[in-house]
N, C-alpha and C. Protein backbone atom coordinates (compact mmCIF):
# COMPACT_ATOMS: atom_id res chain seq x y z
N MET A 1 9.16 -19.06 -1.88
CA MET A 1 7.86 -18.43 -1.90
C MET A 1 8.00 -17.09 -2.64
N SER A 2 7.10 -16.82 -3.58
CA SER A 2 7.15 -15.58 -4.35
C SER A 2 6.69 -14.40 -3.50
N ALA A 3 7.01 -13.20 -3.97
CA ALA A 3 6.59 -11.99 -3.25
C ALA A 3 5.07 -11.93 -3.15
N SER A 4 4.39 -12.31 -4.20
CA SER A 4 2.93 -12.31 -4.19
C SER A 4 2.38 -13.27 -3.13
N GLU A 5 2.97 -14.46 -3.01
CA GLU A 5 2.53 -15.42 -2.01
C GLU A 5 2.81 -14.92 -0.60
N LYS A 6 3.94 -14.24 -0.38
CA LYS A 6 4.26 -13.70 0.93
C LYS A 6 3.22 -12.67 1.35
N ILE A 7 2.83 -11.80 0.41
CA ILE A 7 1.83 -10.79 0.72
C ILE A 7 0.50 -11.45 1.03
N GLU A 8 0.12 -12.47 0.25
CA GLU A 8 -1.14 -13.16 0.47
C GLU A 8 -1.18 -13.85 1.83
N ARG A 9 -0.06 -14.35 2.32
CA ARG A 9 -0.03 -15.11 3.57
C ARG A 9 0.11 -14.23 4.81
N ALA A 10 0.55 -12.99 4.66
CA ALA A 10 0.74 -12.11 5.81
C ALA A 10 -0.62 -11.69 6.36
N ARG A 11 -0.73 -11.59 7.69
CA ARG A 11 -1.97 -11.12 8.30
C ARG A 11 -2.16 -9.66 7.92
N ARG A 12 -3.40 -9.27 7.63
CA ARG A 12 -3.70 -7.93 7.16
C ARG A 12 -4.69 -7.22 8.07
N LYS A 13 -4.63 -5.92 8.05
CA LYS A 13 -5.63 -5.10 8.67
C LYS A 13 -6.39 -4.40 7.54
N HIS A 14 -7.72 -4.54 7.53
CA HIS A 14 -8.54 -3.92 6.48
C HIS A 14 -8.88 -2.50 6.89
N LEU A 15 -8.74 -1.58 5.94
CA LEU A 15 -8.98 -0.17 6.20
C LEU A 15 -9.15 0.58 4.89
N ILE A 16 -9.62 1.81 4.99
CA ILE A 16 -9.76 2.65 3.81
C ILE A 16 -9.06 3.98 4.10
N TYR A 17 -7.84 4.14 3.61
CA TYR A 17 -7.06 5.36 3.77
C TYR A 17 -6.73 5.90 2.39
N SER A 18 -6.54 7.21 2.28
CA SER A 18 -6.13 7.82 1.02
C SER A 18 -4.64 7.61 0.79
N VAL A 19 -4.28 7.39 -0.47
CA VAL A 19 -2.88 7.18 -0.84
C VAL A 19 -2.56 8.08 -2.03
N ILE A 20 -1.41 8.74 -1.97
CA ILE A 20 -0.89 9.45 -3.13
C ILE A 20 0.22 8.56 -3.70
N ILE A 21 0.10 8.25 -4.98
CA ILE A 21 1.02 7.36 -5.66
C ILE A 21 1.84 8.19 -6.63
N SER A 22 3.15 8.05 -6.59
CA SER A 22 3.98 8.76 -7.56
C SER A 22 4.94 7.78 -8.22
N SER A 23 5.10 7.94 -9.52
CA SER A 23 6.00 7.08 -10.27
C SER A 23 7.34 7.79 -10.46
N SER A 24 8.32 7.06 -10.91
CA SER A 24 9.65 7.63 -11.11
C SER A 24 9.67 8.67 -12.22
N ASP A 25 8.69 8.64 -13.12
CA ASP A 25 8.64 9.64 -14.19
C ASP A 25 7.84 10.88 -13.80
N GLY A 26 7.47 10.99 -12.52
CA GLY A 26 6.81 12.19 -12.01
C GLY A 26 5.30 12.19 -12.11
N GLU A 27 4.69 11.10 -12.53
CA GLU A 27 3.24 11.03 -12.61
C GLU A 27 2.67 10.80 -11.21
N PHE A 28 1.59 11.52 -10.87
CA PHE A 28 0.93 11.40 -9.57
C PHE A 28 -0.52 11.02 -9.78
N PHE A 29 -1.03 10.17 -8.93
CA PHE A 29 -2.47 9.90 -8.88
C PHE A 29 -2.81 9.41 -7.49
N THR A 30 -4.11 9.31 -7.22
CA THR A 30 -4.56 8.94 -5.88
C THR A 30 -5.21 7.57 -5.90
N GLY A 31 -5.31 7.01 -4.72
CA GLY A 31 -5.96 5.72 -4.56
C GLY A 31 -6.47 5.57 -3.15
N ARG A 32 -7.03 4.42 -2.88
CA ARG A 32 -7.53 4.08 -1.55
C ARG A 32 -6.87 2.80 -1.09
N LEU A 33 -6.27 2.86 0.08
CA LEU A 33 -5.67 1.69 0.69
C LEU A 33 -6.80 0.81 1.21
N VAL A 34 -6.78 -0.46 0.88
CA VAL A 34 -7.84 -1.39 1.29
C VAL A 34 -7.37 -2.26 2.46
N ASN A 35 -6.16 -2.80 2.36
CA ASN A 35 -5.61 -3.54 3.50
C ASN A 35 -4.10 -3.41 3.51
N ILE A 36 -3.52 -3.73 4.65
CA ILE A 36 -2.09 -3.57 4.83
C ILE A 36 -1.56 -4.66 5.74
N SER A 37 -0.34 -5.09 5.48
CA SER A 37 0.33 -6.07 6.34
C SER A 37 1.76 -5.59 6.53
N SER A 38 2.54 -6.36 7.25
CA SER A 38 3.93 -5.99 7.48
C SER A 38 4.78 -6.06 6.22
N SER A 39 4.29 -6.76 5.20
CA SER A 39 5.09 -6.92 3.98
C SER A 39 4.50 -6.29 2.73
N GLY A 40 3.26 -5.83 2.79
CA GLY A 40 2.66 -5.27 1.59
C GLY A 40 1.31 -4.65 1.84
N LEU A 41 0.68 -4.23 0.75
CA LEU A 41 -0.63 -3.59 0.85
C LEU A 41 -1.42 -3.79 -0.43
N LYS A 42 -2.74 -3.62 -0.30
CA LYS A 42 -3.65 -3.67 -1.43
C LYS A 42 -4.32 -2.32 -1.53
N MET A 43 -4.46 -1.82 -2.76
CA MET A 43 -5.14 -0.55 -2.95
C MET A 43 -5.98 -0.57 -4.22
N VAL A 44 -6.89 0.40 -4.29
CA VAL A 44 -7.75 0.60 -5.45
C VAL A 44 -7.46 1.99 -5.98
N THR A 45 -7.35 2.13 -7.30
CA THR A 45 -7.06 3.43 -7.90
C THR A 45 -7.65 3.52 -9.30
N LYS A 46 -7.83 4.74 -9.78
CA LYS A 46 -8.21 4.98 -11.16
C LYS A 46 -6.97 5.16 -12.03
N GLY A 47 -5.81 5.31 -11.40
CA GLY A 47 -4.56 5.48 -12.13
C GLY A 47 -4.13 4.19 -12.80
N LYS A 48 -3.31 4.32 -13.83
CA LYS A 48 -2.80 3.14 -14.54
C LYS A 48 -1.49 2.70 -13.90
N LEU A 49 -1.52 1.51 -13.30
CA LEU A 49 -0.34 0.94 -12.66
C LEU A 49 0.23 -0.15 -13.55
N PHE A 50 1.53 -0.35 -13.46
CA PHE A 50 2.20 -1.35 -14.27
C PHE A 50 2.78 -2.44 -13.39
N LEU A 51 2.55 -3.67 -13.77
CA LEU A 51 3.06 -4.82 -13.04
C LEU A 51 4.59 -4.76 -12.99
N GLY A 52 5.15 -4.94 -11.80
CA GLY A 52 6.60 -4.92 -11.62
C GLY A 52 7.20 -3.54 -11.48
N ALA A 53 6.38 -2.50 -11.61
CA ALA A 53 6.89 -1.13 -11.48
C ALA A 53 7.02 -0.75 -10.01
N THR A 54 7.87 0.22 -9.74
CA THR A 54 8.12 0.70 -8.39
C THR A 54 7.48 2.08 -8.24
N TYR A 55 6.78 2.29 -7.12
CA TYR A 55 6.08 3.54 -6.86
C TYR A 55 6.38 4.02 -5.44
N HIS A 56 6.41 5.34 -5.29
CA HIS A 56 6.47 5.92 -3.94
C HIS A 56 5.02 6.05 -3.47
N LEU A 57 4.73 5.59 -2.26
CA LEU A 57 3.37 5.60 -1.71
C LEU A 57 3.34 6.46 -0.46
N GLU A 58 2.46 7.44 -0.44
CA GLU A 58 2.28 8.33 0.72
C GLU A 58 0.86 8.11 1.22
N ILE A 59 0.74 7.53 2.40
CA ILE A 59 -0.55 7.14 2.97
C ILE A 59 -0.97 8.14 4.03
N SER A 60 -2.15 8.74 3.85
CA SER A 60 -2.71 9.67 4.84
C SER A 60 -3.39 8.88 5.94
N LEU A 61 -2.96 9.08 7.16
CA LEU A 61 -3.53 8.37 8.30
C LEU A 61 -4.71 9.14 8.86
N PRO A 62 -5.79 8.48 9.25
CA PRO A 62 -6.97 9.18 9.75
C PRO A 62 -6.75 9.81 11.13
N GLU A 63 -5.76 9.31 11.84
CA GLU A 63 -5.41 9.89 13.13
C GLU A 63 -3.90 9.79 13.30
N GLU A 64 -3.36 10.64 14.13
CA GLU A 64 -1.92 10.64 14.36
C GLU A 64 -1.48 9.28 14.90
N THR A 65 -0.42 8.75 14.31
CA THR A 65 0.14 7.47 14.72
C THR A 65 1.64 7.66 14.91
N ASN A 66 2.13 7.37 16.09
CA ASN A 66 3.56 7.57 16.40
C ASN A 66 4.00 9.00 16.06
N GLY A 67 3.14 9.98 16.30
CA GLY A 67 3.47 11.37 16.07
C GLY A 67 3.40 11.82 14.62
N ALA A 68 2.86 11.00 13.73
CA ALA A 68 2.82 11.34 12.30
C ALA A 68 1.40 11.24 11.76
N ASN A 69 1.12 12.03 10.71
CA ASN A 69 -0.17 11.99 10.03
C ASN A 69 -0.10 11.24 8.70
N ASN A 70 1.12 10.87 8.29
CA ASN A 70 1.34 10.15 7.03
C ASN A 70 2.34 9.03 7.25
N MET A 71 2.26 8.04 6.39
CA MET A 71 3.27 6.99 6.33
C MET A 71 3.71 6.87 4.89
N SER A 72 5.00 6.75 4.65
CA SER A 72 5.47 6.61 3.27
C SER A 72 6.41 5.42 3.14
N CYS A 73 6.41 4.86 1.93
CA CYS A 73 7.27 3.72 1.62
C CYS A 73 7.38 3.62 0.10
N THR A 74 8.22 2.73 -0.33
CA THR A 74 8.33 2.40 -1.75
C THR A 74 7.78 1.00 -1.93
N GLY A 75 6.91 0.85 -2.92
CA GLY A 75 6.31 -0.45 -3.17
C GLY A 75 6.47 -0.88 -4.62
N LYS A 76 6.54 -2.17 -4.81
CA LYS A 76 6.61 -2.76 -6.14
C LYS A 76 5.30 -3.47 -6.43
N THR A 77 4.70 -3.20 -7.58
CA THR A 77 3.44 -3.82 -7.95
C THR A 77 3.66 -5.30 -8.26
N VAL A 78 3.01 -6.18 -7.49
CA VAL A 78 3.16 -7.62 -7.69
C VAL A 78 1.93 -8.25 -8.36
N TRP A 79 0.82 -7.53 -8.36
CA TRP A 79 -0.36 -7.95 -9.13
C TRP A 79 -1.25 -6.75 -9.38
N CYS A 80 -1.97 -6.78 -10.48
CA CYS A 80 -2.94 -5.73 -10.84
C CYS A 80 -4.13 -6.41 -11.51
N LYS A 81 -5.33 -5.88 -11.26
CA LYS A 81 -6.51 -6.37 -11.97
C LYS A 81 -7.59 -5.31 -11.96
N ARG A 82 -8.45 -5.37 -12.96
CA ARG A 82 -9.59 -4.47 -13.05
C ARG A 82 -10.64 -4.88 -12.02
N ASN A 83 -11.32 -3.89 -11.45
CA ASN A 83 -12.41 -4.16 -10.51
C ASN A 83 -13.70 -4.35 -11.28
N ILE A 84 -14.77 -4.63 -10.55
CA ILE A 84 -16.09 -4.71 -11.16
C ILE A 84 -16.40 -3.39 -11.85
N SER A 85 -16.05 -2.29 -11.20
CA SER A 85 -16.19 -0.97 -11.79
C SER A 85 -15.01 -0.77 -12.75
N PRO A 86 -15.26 -0.67 -14.06
CA PRO A 86 -14.16 -0.69 -15.03
C PRO A 86 -13.18 0.48 -14.95
N GLU A 87 -13.56 1.57 -14.30
CA GLU A 87 -12.62 2.69 -14.20
C GLU A 87 -11.62 2.51 -13.07
N ASN A 88 -11.83 1.52 -12.21
CA ASN A 88 -10.93 1.27 -11.08
C ASN A 88 -10.13 -0.01 -11.26
N SER A 89 -8.92 0.00 -10.71
CA SER A 89 -8.08 -1.19 -10.67
C SER A 89 -7.67 -1.45 -9.24
N SER A 90 -7.48 -2.72 -8.91
CA SER A 90 -6.89 -3.12 -7.63
C SER A 90 -5.46 -3.53 -7.90
N ALA A 91 -4.60 -3.30 -6.92
CA ALA A 91 -3.21 -3.69 -7.07
C ALA A 91 -2.64 -4.11 -5.73
N GLY A 92 -1.74 -5.08 -5.78
CA GLY A 92 -1.01 -5.50 -4.60
C GLY A 92 0.42 -5.02 -4.71
N PHE A 93 0.94 -4.47 -3.62
CA PHE A 93 2.30 -3.95 -3.58
C PHE A 93 3.10 -4.69 -2.52
N GLU A 94 4.31 -5.06 -2.87
CA GLU A 94 5.28 -5.53 -1.90
C GLU A 94 6.04 -4.30 -1.42
N ILE A 95 6.15 -4.11 -0.11
CA ILE A 95 6.93 -3.00 0.42
C ILE A 95 8.40 -3.37 0.25
N ILE A 96 9.11 -2.58 -0.55
CA ILE A 96 10.52 -2.90 -0.82
C ILE A 96 11.48 -1.93 -0.15
N GLU A 97 10.97 -0.78 0.30
CA GLU A 97 11.82 0.17 1.01
C GLU A 97 10.98 0.98 1.98
N ILE A 98 11.43 1.00 3.23
CA ILE A 98 10.73 1.76 4.26
C ILE A 98 11.74 2.11 5.34
N ASP A 99 11.75 3.37 5.77
CA ASP A 99 12.71 3.77 6.80
C ASP A 99 12.19 3.37 8.18
N GLU A 100 13.04 3.52 9.19
CA GLU A 100 12.70 3.07 10.54
C GLU A 100 11.49 3.80 11.12
N THR A 101 11.37 5.10 10.86
CA THR A 101 10.23 5.87 11.36
C THR A 101 8.92 5.32 10.79
N ASN A 102 8.89 5.10 9.47
CA ASN A 102 7.69 4.59 8.83
C ASN A 102 7.45 3.12 9.15
N LYS A 103 8.51 2.36 9.40
CA LYS A 103 8.37 0.97 9.82
C LYS A 103 7.67 0.90 11.18
N ALA A 104 7.99 1.85 12.07
CA ALA A 104 7.33 1.89 13.38
C ALA A 104 5.85 2.23 13.23
N ILE A 105 5.52 3.13 12.31
CA ILE A 105 4.12 3.46 12.04
C ILE A 105 3.40 2.24 11.49
N LEU A 106 4.02 1.55 10.53
CA LEU A 106 3.43 0.34 9.96
C LEU A 106 3.20 -0.71 11.04
N SER A 107 4.15 -0.88 11.92
CA SER A 107 4.01 -1.84 13.02
C SER A 107 2.83 -1.47 13.91
N GLU A 108 2.68 -0.19 14.19
CA GLU A 108 1.57 0.28 15.03
C GLU A 108 0.24 0.02 14.33
N LEU A 109 0.18 0.26 13.02
CA LEU A 109 -1.06 0.06 12.27
C LEU A 109 -1.48 -1.40 12.23
N THR A 110 -0.52 -2.30 12.24
CA THR A 110 -0.85 -3.72 12.05
C THR A 110 -0.79 -4.56 13.32
N LYS A 111 -0.44 -3.98 14.46
CA LYS A 111 -0.19 -4.80 15.66
C LYS A 111 -1.43 -5.31 16.37
N ASP A 112 -2.55 -4.62 16.27
CA ASP A 112 -3.70 -4.97 17.10
C ASP A 112 -4.81 -5.69 16.35
N PHE A 113 -4.47 -6.64 15.51
CA PHE A 113 -5.54 -7.39 14.85
C PHE A 113 -5.19 -8.86 14.81
N ASN A 114 -6.22 -9.66 14.92
CA ASN A 114 -6.09 -11.11 14.88
C ASN A 114 -7.25 -11.67 14.07
N TYR A 115 -6.91 -12.43 13.04
CA TYR A 115 -7.91 -13.20 12.29
C TYR A 115 -7.21 -14.16 11.39
């Protein structure tokens, strides 16, 4: 199963959180987290993302979760597409690196949903 298929099959929680995206070359831009699962996330941004690229993602949480106001991880872009609004793009990220503290936050964010 490909990384994209794994993300598509994982149960997700839909939400709108702010994300700061940084690339390895030091470029920063913002986006909105649309949904999240234990293995990946979907976001919308005006920034230019590249398929297969790796980004550091800093997600602002609307309320404190496990004692933190942010969650961070490293994600790899597994799909990108333009939205109906041409200035925005949607992208799917596979979470490829996350420490134990942020993994606990991710678990808390995704534990209470069923669909």
